Amino acid sequence: MSRDQSLEERKKEEAQKAKEDVLKKSTESKKETEVALESGLELAKKKAAAAAKAKAAAQAKQKREETGEEDLELAKKKAAAAAKAKAAAQAKQKREETGEEDLELAKKKAAAAAKAKAAAQAKQKREETGEEDLELAKKKAAAAAKAKAAAQAKQKREETGEEDLELAKKKAAAAAKAKAAAQAKQKREETGEEDLELAKKKAAAAAKAKAAAQAKQKREETDEEDLELAKKKAAAAAKAKALAIEKAKSANMNDVDHPPQPEEIPSPNQPFLDQYVSVIRKHLNDDAIHDYYINRLSKHVPTLVANDDTYFQVAQLLKNNEELAFDYLSELHGTDFQTHFELYVHLFSSKHKQSVALKVKVNREQPVIDSLQPLWNGADWPEREAFDLLGIQFTGHPNLKRIMLTDDWVGYPLRKDYEAYDVEV
C-alpha cells in the first residue's frame, strides 16, 4: 500500500516538473518571439527609411538629368575659364610680337645710362677747369676781403674819433630838439595859445551841450519840467562858456606851474540820470531829491540822494513807474559818518538793463527811517543787519530783530564810538 502511494507521489512530482518545464520553455519561446519581432520591426523601419532616401535621391537626380542643369552650369564655368585663358594667351602673343616689354625695359636702361653719362661728363669738366677749387677760393677771398674792410674801418674810426663824433652829433641833435620844444612851449605860453585852445574846447562842449538841451527841449515841448531843466542846463553852459573866455583873457601867460586841467569827458550814463531826475520831479516835486550825480568811482552809476521824509516815496516811484521799473534790490547797507548815518541802496531794472543808487542821510541821534521791505523782499535781512550793527530803526519792517548778535547785546559794533562791553575780550 505504501509502495503504491510512493509511486503515485513520484508520478505527480514528475508531472509537475514536466508542466513547469513546458511553462518555462513556453515563456522563453515567447520572449524570443518578442525580441525577434522587435528586431524585425526596427530593421524594417531602417530599410524603409533607406529606401525612401534612395528613392528621393533618384528622383532628384532624374530631375536634374532631365533639365541638364548641372551640365549647363559646368559648361558655363568651363567656357568662361577657356575664354579667360584664350584672352591671356592672345595678349601675351601680342606683347611678344611687338616686343613691348623689351622696348620699355630698353627705354629705362637708356635713360639711366644717359643720366650717368651726363653726370660723369659734368664731373670731368669740373675737374678739368678746377671749377670746384675756384668757387671755394672765391668764397674765401670774399670773406677775407670783408674781414679786412671791417678791420680797416674800425681802425679809421679809432684814429679819427668817429665814434665820439657820432655820439656828439646825437647829443647835439637831442639838445636842439629839446631847445626847440622849449621855445615852442614858451611861445605858446606867451601868446596864450594853450588857454585859448582850452577855451575853444570848452566853448565847443558848451555849444554841444546847448544844442543837446535845445533838441531835448524840442522833443519834450509839452513837458514844462524838462523845459525848465533844459533852461538851467543852457544857463549853466552859457555861464561856463563865459567863465572859460574870461579865464582865457585873464590867464597869466608866464605861469607854467599851474597848467590847465583837461576837460572832463561826459559820462555815458548822464542821459539816464537826467531821465530819472525828470521822472521824479514830474511825479513828486523838486524837493524830493536834494542831490544827484554820476559816481565815476563806481562804474559811472547814476546816484540819487533823497530826503529822509521822501525816501520811501522816491523808492516806490523807482520801482513802480514804467519808465524806471527798478524791480531788483541787490544791495542795502548803512555807514556811520559820525555826524550822521547814511543808507546806500543799489537797484537794477531787468526791463531796461540799467542801475541806480539811492542814498539817504539818517539822523544819528534819532535813527529812524522807512523800511523798503514792503517794496523789495530783498531789503529784509540787510535792514535787520543795519539795525543789529548800527541801531537804525526801520519803520514798517515786519520782523525787525537782531540777525547776528544776541538780543541782550549791549551797543552797536559798526558805530564809530562803539566800546566793547568786555574790553578784555
Protein backbone atom coordinates (compact mmCIF):
# COMPACT_ATOMS: atom_id res chain seq x y z
CA MET A 1 0.00 0.00 0.00
CA SER A 2 2.76 2.39 0.88
CA ARG A 3 4.61 1.37 -2.24
CA ASP A 4 1.74 2.34 -4.48
CA GLN A 5 1.41 5.60 -2.62
CA SER A 6 5.08 6.42 -3.14
CA LEU A 7 4.78 5.65 -6.81
CA GLU A 8 1.80 7.91 -7.10
CA GLU A 9 3.63 10.79 -5.47
CA ARG A 10 6.58 10.33 -7.80
CA LYS A 11 4.32 10.43 -10.81
CA LYS A 12 2.77 13.64 -9.51
CA GLU A 13 6.18 15.25 -8.98
CA GLU A 14 7.31 14.26 -12.46
CA ALA A 15 4.09 15.58 -13.93
CA GLN A 16 4.53 18.80 -12.02
CA LYS A 17 8.13 19.09 -13.16
CA ALA A 18 7.16 18.39 -16.75
CA LYS A 19 4.48 21.04 -16.54
CA GLU A 20 6.96 23.58 -15.18
CA ASP A 21 9.42 22.76 -17.97
CA VAL A 22 6.70 23.29 -20.55
CA LEU A 23 5.76 26.61 -18.99
CA LYS A 24 9.42 27.70 -18.86
CA LYS A 25 10.01 26.75 -22.48
CA SER A 26 6.81 28.49 -23.46
CA THR A 27 7.92 31.70 -21.67
CA GLU A 28 11.37 31.61 -23.24
CA SER A 29 9.88 30.98 -26.65
CA LYS A 30 7.52 33.89 -26.17
CA LYS A 31 10.41 36.21 -25.19
CA GLU A 32 12.45 35.09 -28.16
CA THR A 33 9.47 35.73 -30.40
CA GLU A 34 9.01 39.24 -28.96
CA VAL A 35 12.73 40.02 -29.40
CA ALA A 36 12.64 38.71 -32.94
CA LEU A 37 9.56 40.77 -33.69
CA GLU A 38 11.16 43.94 -32.27
CA SER A 39 14.39 43.37 -34.21
CA GLY A 40 12.47 42.70 -37.36
CA LEU A 41 10.39 45.85 -36.87
CA GLU A 42 13.49 48.06 -36.30
CA LEU A 43 15.18 46.56 -39.33
CA ALA A 44 12.07 47.06 -41.40
CA LYS A 45 11.97 50.73 -40.34
CA LYS A 46 15.64 51.29 -41.26
CA LYS A 47 15.16 49.58 -44.60
CA ALA A 48 12.06 51.68 -45.32
CA ALA A 49 13.95 54.92 -44.45
CA ALA A 50 16.92 53.94 -46.63
CA ALA A 51 14.57 53.02 -49.46
CA ALA A 52 12.76 56.39 -49.15
CA LYS A 53 16.07 58.30 -49.12
CA ALA A 54 17.36 56.39 -52.13
CA LYS A 55 14.10 56.98 -53.95
CA ALA A 56 14.25 60.75 -53.22
CA ALA A 57 17.87 60.93 -54.42
CA ALA A 58 16.97 59.01 -57.55
CA GLN A 59 14.07 61.34 -58.26
CA ALA A 60 16.24 64.46 -57.72
CA LYS A 61 18.94 63.05 -59.97
CA GLN A 62 16.41 62.18 -62.60
CA LYS A 63 15.02 65.71 -62.47
CA ARG A 64 18.50 67.29 -62.80
CA GLU A 65 19.34 64.99 -65.65
CA GLU A 66 16.10 65.88 -67.39
CA THR A 67 16.77 69.63 -67.22
CA GLY A 68 20.52 69.33 -67.76
CA GLU A 69 21.13 71.92 -65.01
CA GLU A 70 24.37 70.50 -63.69
CA ASP A 71 25.94 70.09 -67.08
CA LEU A 72 24.84 73.56 -68.14
CA GLU A 73 26.41 75.26 -65.07
CA LEU A 74 29.59 73.26 -65.52
CA ALA A 75 29.65 74.10 -69.20
CA LYS A 76 29.34 77.82 -68.42
CA LYS A 77 32.26 77.74 -65.95
CA LYS A 78 34.43 75.84 -68.40
CA ALA A 79 33.58 78.27 -71.20
CA ALA A 80 34.46 81.30 -69.01
CA ALA A 81 37.77 79.77 -67.98
CA ALA A 82 38.58 78.91 -71.59
CA ALA A 83 37.75 82.47 -72.72
CA LYS A 84 39.96 83.97 -70.00
CA ALA A 85 42.86 81.69 -70.88
CA LYS A 86 42.46 82.49 -74.58
CA ALA A 87 42.48 86.27 -73.90
CA ALA A 88 45.61 85.99 -71.75
CA ALA A 89 47.31 83.95 -74.47
CA GLN A 90 46.39 86.49 -77.14
CA ALA A 91 47.66 89.41 -75.01
CA LYS A 92 50.94 87.62 -74.37
CA GLN A 93 51.31 86.81 -78.05
CA LYS A 94 50.70 90.45 -78.97
CA ARG A 95 53.30 91.72 -76.46
CA GLU A 96 55.80 89.19 -77.77
CA GLU A 97 55.15 90.20 -81.35
CA THR A 98 55.61 93.91 -80.77
CA GLY A 99 58.42 93.45 -78.28
CA GLU A 100 56.64 95.86 -75.91
CA GLU A 101 58.19 94.55 -72.74
CA ASP A 102 61.72 94.61 -74.08
CA LEU A 103 61.17 98.07 -75.56
CA GLU A 104 60.02 99.54 -72.20
CA LEU A 105 62.95 97.94 -70.41
CA ALA A 106 65.32 99.22 -73.06
CA LYS A 107 63.96 102.78 -72.66
CA LYS A 108 64.51 102.74 -68.89
CA LYS A 109 68.03 101.39 -69.27
CA ALA A 110 68.84 104.01 -71.93
CA ALA A 111 67.55 106.85 -69.71
CA ALA A 112 69.62 105.64 -66.73
CA ALA A 113 72.70 105.32 -68.92
CA ALA A 114 72.24 108.83 -70.35
CA LYS A 115 71.87 110.29 -66.84
CA ALA A 116 75.00 108.53 -65.61
CA LYS A 117 76.93 109.67 -68.69
CA ALA A 118 75.87 113.30 -68.21
CA ALA A 119 76.91 113.22 -64.54
CA ALA A 120 80.29 111.76 -65.46
CA GLN A 121 80.85 114.41 -68.15
CA ALA A 122 79.92 117.24 -65.76
CA LYS A 123 82.28 115.92 -63.12
CA GLN A 124 85.05 115.56 -65.68
CA LYS A 125 84.51 119.14 -66.86
CA ARG A 126 84.63 120.50 -63.27
CA GLU A 127 87.83 118.59 -62.63
CA GLU A 128 89.43 119.85 -65.84
CA THR A 129 88.66 123.52 -65.26
CA GLY A 130 89.19 123.39 -61.50
CA GLU A 131 85.71 124.83 -61.02
CA GLU A 132 85.22 123.47 -57.52
CA ASP A 133 88.52 124.86 -56.23
CA LEU A 134 87.88 128.17 -57.98
CA GLU A 135 84.47 128.58 -56.32
CA LEU A 136 85.90 127.77 -52.90
CA ALA A 137 88.76 130.21 -53.47
CA LYS A 138 86.31 132.96 -54.44
CA LYS A 139 84.30 132.46 -51.23
CA LYS A 140 87.41 132.51 -49.07
CA ALA A 141 88.71 135.62 -50.85
CA ALA A 142 85.37 137.41 -50.35
CA ALA A 143 85.32 136.55 -46.64
CA ALA A 144 88.90 137.73 -46.21
CA ALA A 145 88.17 140.97 -48.04
CA LYS A 146 85.12 141.59 -45.84
CA ALA A 147 87.12 140.97 -42.65
CA LYS A 148 89.92 143.25 -43.88
CA ALA A 149 87.48 146.04 -44.73
CA ALA A 150 85.85 145.78 -41.29
CA ALA A 151 89.26 145.96 -39.59
CA GLN A 152 90.28 149.00 -41.67
CA ALA A 153 87.01 150.77 -40.93
CA LYS A 154 87.39 150.14 -37.18
CA GLN A 155 90.99 151.40 -37.28
CA LYS A 156 89.89 154.53 -39.13
CA ARG A 157 87.10 155.25 -36.60
CA GLU A 158 89.54 154.85 -33.74
CA GLU A 159 92.09 157.15 -35.38
CA THR A 160 89.66 159.92 -36.27
CA GLY A 161 87.47 159.60 -33.15
CA GLU A 162 84.50 158.85 -35.33
CA GLU A 163 82.62 157.12 -32.54
CA ASP A 164 82.88 160.13 -30.23
CA LEU A 165 81.89 162.36 -33.11
CA GLU A 166 78.77 160.28 -33.77
CA LEU A 167 77.84 160.41 -30.09
CA ALA A 168 78.38 164.15 -30.01
CA LYS A 169 76.13 164.53 -33.06
CA LYS A 170 73.34 162.58 -31.37
CA LYS A 171 73.64 164.63 -28.18
CA ALA A 172 73.63 167.87 -30.18
CA ALA A 173 70.53 166.75 -32.09
CA ALA A 174 68.75 165.85 -28.86
CA ALA A 175 69.70 169.17 -27.28
CA ALA A 176 68.48 171.04 -30.35
CA LYS A 177 65.20 169.14 -30.26
CA ALA A 178 64.71 169.88 -26.56
CA LYS A 179 65.56 173.55 -27.12
CA ALA A 180 63.07 173.77 -30.00
CA ALA A 181 60.37 172.18 -27.84
CA ALA A 182 61.09 174.61 -25.01
CA GLN A 183 60.95 177.57 -27.38
CA ALA A 184 57.69 176.35 -28.87
CA LYS A 185 56.21 175.91 -25.39
CA GLN A 186 57.40 179.36 -24.36
CA LYS A 187 55.88 180.86 -27.48
CA ARG A 188 52.55 179.16 -26.80
CA GLU A 189 52.58 180.39 -23.23
CA GLU A 190 53.39 183.91 -24.35
CA THR A 191 50.56 184.01 -26.82
CA GLY A 192 48.10 182.26 -24.51
CA GLU A 193 47.68 179.55 -27.10
CA GLU A 194 47.03 176.81 -24.59
CA ASP A 195 44.37 178.76 -22.70
CA LEU A 196 42.82 179.81 -25.98
CA GLU A 197 42.70 176.20 -27.15
CA LEU A 198 41.15 175.18 -23.84
CA ALA A 199 38.61 177.95 -24.12
CA LYS A 200 37.76 176.81 -27.63
CA LYS A 201 37.24 173.23 -26.44
CA LYS A 202 35.07 174.36 -23.55
CA ALA A 203 33.10 176.65 -25.82
CA ALA A 204 32.59 173.77 -28.27
CA ALA A 205 31.49 171.49 -25.44
CA ALA A 206 29.15 174.16 -24.14
CA ALA A 207 27.71 174.67 -27.62
CA LYS A 208 27.25 170.93 -27.96
CA ALA A 209 25.53 170.77 -24.57
CA LYS A 210 23.36 173.71 -25.53
CA ALA A 211 22.38 172.06 -28.80
CA ALA A 212 21.58 168.82 -26.98
CA ALA A 213 19.48 170.76 -24.47
CA GLN A 214 17.64 172.52 -27.26
CA ALA A 215 16.98 169.23 -29.05
CA LYS A 216 15.72 167.71 -25.85
CA GLN A 217 13.58 170.77 -25.20
CA LYS A 218 12.09 170.43 -28.66
CA ARG A 219 11.30 166.75 -28.11
CA GLU A 220 9.63 167.49 -24.79
CA GLU A 221 7.70 170.61 -25.75
CA THR A 222 4.76 169.59 -23.57
CA ASP A 223 6.88 168.81 -20.51
CA GLU A 224 7.41 172.01 -18.53
CA GLU A 225 9.75 170.44 -16.01
CA ASP A 226 12.10 169.17 -18.72
CA LEU A 227 11.94 172.58 -20.33
CA GLU A 228 12.95 174.16 -17.05
CA LEU A 229 15.79 171.67 -16.72
CA ALA A 230 16.97 172.47 -20.24
CA LYS A 231 16.92 176.18 -19.40
CA LYS A 232 19.02 175.57 -16.33
CA LYS A 233 21.47 173.50 -18.33
CA ALA A 234 21.64 176.14 -21.04
CA ALA A 235 22.25 178.81 -18.42
CA ALA A 236 24.96 176.69 -16.83
CA ALA A 237 26.54 176.11 -20.24
CA ALA A 238 26.46 179.82 -21.03
CA LYS A 239 27.96 180.59 -17.65
CA ALA A 240 30.70 178.01 -18.21
CA LYS A 241 31.39 179.46 -21.65
CA ALA A 242 31.68 182.99 -20.26
CA LEU A 243 33.96 181.75 -17.49
CA ALA A 244 36.19 179.97 -19.98
CA ILE A 245 36.51 183.06 -22.16
CA GLU A 246 37.22 185.23 -19.13
CA LYS A 247 39.83 182.77 -17.95
CA ALA A 248 41.46 182.75 -21.37
CA LYS A 249 41.71 186.55 -21.38
CA SER A 250 42.96 187.00 -17.83
CA ALA A 251 45.30 183.98 -17.61
CA ASN A 252 48.87 184.65 -16.60
CA MET A 253 50.94 183.93 -19.70
CA ASN A 254 54.13 183.11 -17.77
CA ASP A 255 52.54 180.84 -15.14
CA VAL A 256 53.83 177.38 -16.01
CA ASP A 257 53.36 175.92 -12.51
CA HIS A 258 49.60 175.63 -12.95
CA PRO A 259 48.89 174.09 -16.36
CA PRO A 260 45.23 173.94 -17.46
CA GLN A 261 43.35 170.80 -16.42
CA PRO A 262 41.96 168.57 -19.17
CA GLU A 263 38.23 168.80 -19.82
CA GLU A 264 36.15 166.11 -18.09
CA ILE A 265 34.59 163.67 -20.55
CA PRO A 266 30.79 163.40 -20.13
CA SER A 267 29.60 160.13 -18.59
CA PRO A 268 27.77 157.70 -20.88
CA ASN A 269 25.13 157.32 -18.13
CA GLN A 270 24.39 161.03 -17.88
CA PRO A 271 21.24 160.76 -20.08
CA PHE A 272 19.87 158.04 -17.79
CA LEU A 273 20.46 160.19 -14.71
CA ASP A 274 18.70 163.13 -16.38
CA GLN A 275 15.75 160.85 -17.20
CA TYR A 276 15.45 159.58 -13.60
CA VAL A 277 15.56 163.11 -12.18
CA SER A 278 12.98 164.30 -14.70
CA VAL A 279 10.52 161.50 -13.89
CA ILE A 280 10.90 162.00 -10.12
CA ARG A 281 10.36 165.75 -10.32
CA LYS A 282 7.40 165.23 -12.63
CA HIS A 283 5.55 162.84 -10.30
CA LEU A 284 6.74 164.12 -6.90
CA ASN A 285 8.32 167.56 -6.56
CA ASP A 286 11.65 169.36 -6.96
CA ASP A 287 12.49 168.84 -3.29
CA ALA A 288 12.04 165.03 -3.34
CA ILE A 289 15.77 164.70 -4.07
CA HIS A 290 18.26 167.33 -2.97
CA ASP A 291 21.26 166.00 -4.97
CA TYR A 292 22.11 163.73 -7.90
CA TYR A 293 25.35 162.89 -9.69
CA ILE A 294 27.34 160.28 -11.62
CA ASN A 295 29.55 158.18 -9.34
CA ARG A 296 32.64 157.87 -11.55
CA LEU A 297 34.43 155.78 -8.93
CA SER A 298 31.72 153.10 -9.13
CA LYS A 299 31.27 152.32 -12.85
CA HIS A 300 29.51 155.65 -13.53
CA VAL A 301 26.36 154.54 -11.70
CA PRO A 302 23.65 157.28 -11.59
CA THR A 303 23.20 158.27 -7.92
CA LEU A 304 20.18 159.96 -6.29
CA VAL A 305 20.22 161.48 -2.79
CA ALA A 306 16.71 161.61 -1.27
CA ASN A 307 15.45 163.44 1.81
CA ASP A 308 14.55 161.31 4.81
CA ASP A 309 10.86 162.24 4.51
CA THR A 310 10.68 161.44 0.77
CA TYR A 311 12.96 158.38 0.85
CA PHE A 312 10.14 155.80 0.66
CA GLN A 313 8.19 157.78 -1.98
CA VAL A 314 11.24 158.04 -4.25
CA ALA A 315 11.94 154.31 -3.81
CA GLN A 316 8.32 153.46 -4.56
CA LEU A 317 8.40 155.54 -7.74
CA LEU A 318 11.68 153.94 -8.85
CA LYS A 319 10.05 150.51 -8.62
CA ASN A 320 6.50 151.10 -9.89
CA ASN A 321 6.98 153.68 -12.64
CA GLU A 322 7.05 152.06 -16.11
CA GLU A 323 9.81 154.37 -17.35
CA LEU A 324 12.04 153.31 -14.46
CA ALA A 325 10.91 149.81 -13.34
CA PHE A 326 13.74 149.05 -10.88
CA ASP A 327 12.40 145.68 -9.78
CA TYR A 328 15.51 144.22 -8.10
CA LEU A 329 17.26 145.40 -4.91
CA SER A 330 20.80 143.99 -5.00
CA GLU A 331 22.35 145.82 -2.02
CA LEU A 332 21.46 147.82 1.09
CA HIS A 333 23.92 148.83 3.80
CA GLY A 334 24.49 151.59 6.32
CA THR A 335 27.58 153.64 7.22
CA ASP A 336 28.41 155.77 10.25
CA PHE A 337 29.86 159.18 9.27
CA GLN A 338 29.86 160.28 12.95
CA THR A 339 27.72 163.33 12.17
CA HIS A 340 25.01 161.17 10.60
CA PHE A 341 24.25 157.72 9.24
CA GLU A 342 23.90 157.07 5.50
CA LEU A 343 21.93 154.29 3.84
CA TYR A 344 23.05 153.12 0.39
CA VAL A 345 20.61 151.16 -1.81
CA HIS A 346 21.59 149.70 -5.20
CA LEU A 347 18.72 148.91 -7.61
CA PHE A 348 18.59 147.21 -11.02
CA SER A 349 15.95 147.21 -13.75
CA SER A 350 15.71 143.86 -15.53
CA LYS A 351 13.43 145.53 -18.10
CA HIS A 352 15.76 148.39 -19.10
CA LYS A 353 19.06 146.74 -18.03
CA GLN A 354 20.04 149.85 -16.04
CA SER A 355 21.23 150.52 -12.47
CA VAL A 356 20.68 153.35 -10.00
CA ALA A 357 21.93 154.07 -6.49
CA LEU A 358 19.64 155.66 -3.89
CA LYS A 359 21.12 157.34 -0.81
CA VAL A 360 19.56 158.93 2.27
CA LYS A 361 21.00 160.58 5.37
CA VAL A 362 19.64 159.38 8.73
CA ASN A 363 19.70 161.41 11.94
CA ARG A 364 22.30 159.85 14.23
CA GLU A 365 20.56 160.90 17.43
CA GLN A 366 17.17 159.53 16.34
CA PRO A 367 17.98 156.97 13.63
CA VAL A 368 14.51 156.22 12.27
CA ILE A 369 13.70 155.71 8.55
CA ASP A 370 11.01 153.97 6.49
CA SER A 371 11.59 150.31 5.63
CA LEU A 372 11.88 149.23 1.98
CA GLN A 373 10.90 145.65 2.78
CA PRO A 374 7.28 146.23 1.64
CA LEU A 375 8.68 147.16 -1.79
CA TRP A 376 11.52 144.64 -2.15
CA ASN A 377 11.71 141.46 -0.06
CA GLY A 378 15.46 141.59 -0.58
CA ALA A 379 15.63 144.50 1.90
CA ASP A 380 14.53 142.26 4.80
CA TRP A 381 17.85 140.89 6.07
CA PRO A 382 20.05 143.88 5.06
CA GLU A 383 17.80 146.20 7.11
CA ARG A 384 17.98 143.79 10.06
CA GLU A 385 21.78 143.85 9.73
CA ALA A 386 21.81 147.68 9.77
CA PHE A 387 19.54 147.61 12.83
CA ASP A 388 21.74 144.98 14.53
CA LEU A 389 25.12 146.68 13.91
CA LEU A 390 24.21 150.40 13.68
CA GLY A 391 20.95 150.69 15.60
CA ILE A 392 18.90 152.18 12.74
CA GLN A 393 15.15 151.70 13.26
CA PHE A 394 13.19 150.79 10.10
CA THR A 395 9.53 151.76 10.35
CA GLY A 396 7.21 149.19 8.79
CA HIS A 397 9.64 146.26 8.88
CA PRO A 398 7.69 143.06 9.68
CA ASN A 399 10.42 141.38 11.78
CA LEU A 400 12.99 143.90 13.00
CA LYS A 401 15.21 141.74 15.22
CA ARG A 402 18.94 141.29 15.63
CA ILE A 403 20.29 138.98 12.94
CA MET A 404 23.90 138.40 14.09
CA LEU A 405 24.14 139.33 17.75
CA THR A 406 22.11 138.14 20.71
CA ASP A 407 19.11 140.13 21.87
CA ASP A 408 20.88 141.14 25.11
CA TRP A 409 23.97 142.50 23.29
CA VAL A 410 25.00 145.95 24.52
CA GLY A 411 25.75 148.59 21.84
CA TYR A 412 26.15 148.58 18.06
CA PRO A 413 29.57 147.38 16.80
CA LEU A 414 29.67 149.35 13.50
CA ARG A 415 29.26 152.73 15.18
CA LYS A 416 32.47 154.72 15.32
CA ASP A 417 32.02 155.41 19.06
CA TYR A 418 31.33 151.76 19.93
CA GLU A 419 33.08 150.45 23.01
CA ALA A 420 33.15 146.74 23.75
CA TYR A 421 31.20 145.76 26.85
CA ASP A 422 34.01 143.46 27.95
CA VAL A 423 37.25 145.23 26.92
CA GLU A 424 39.41 142.26 27.79
CA VAL A 425 37.53 140.08 25.37
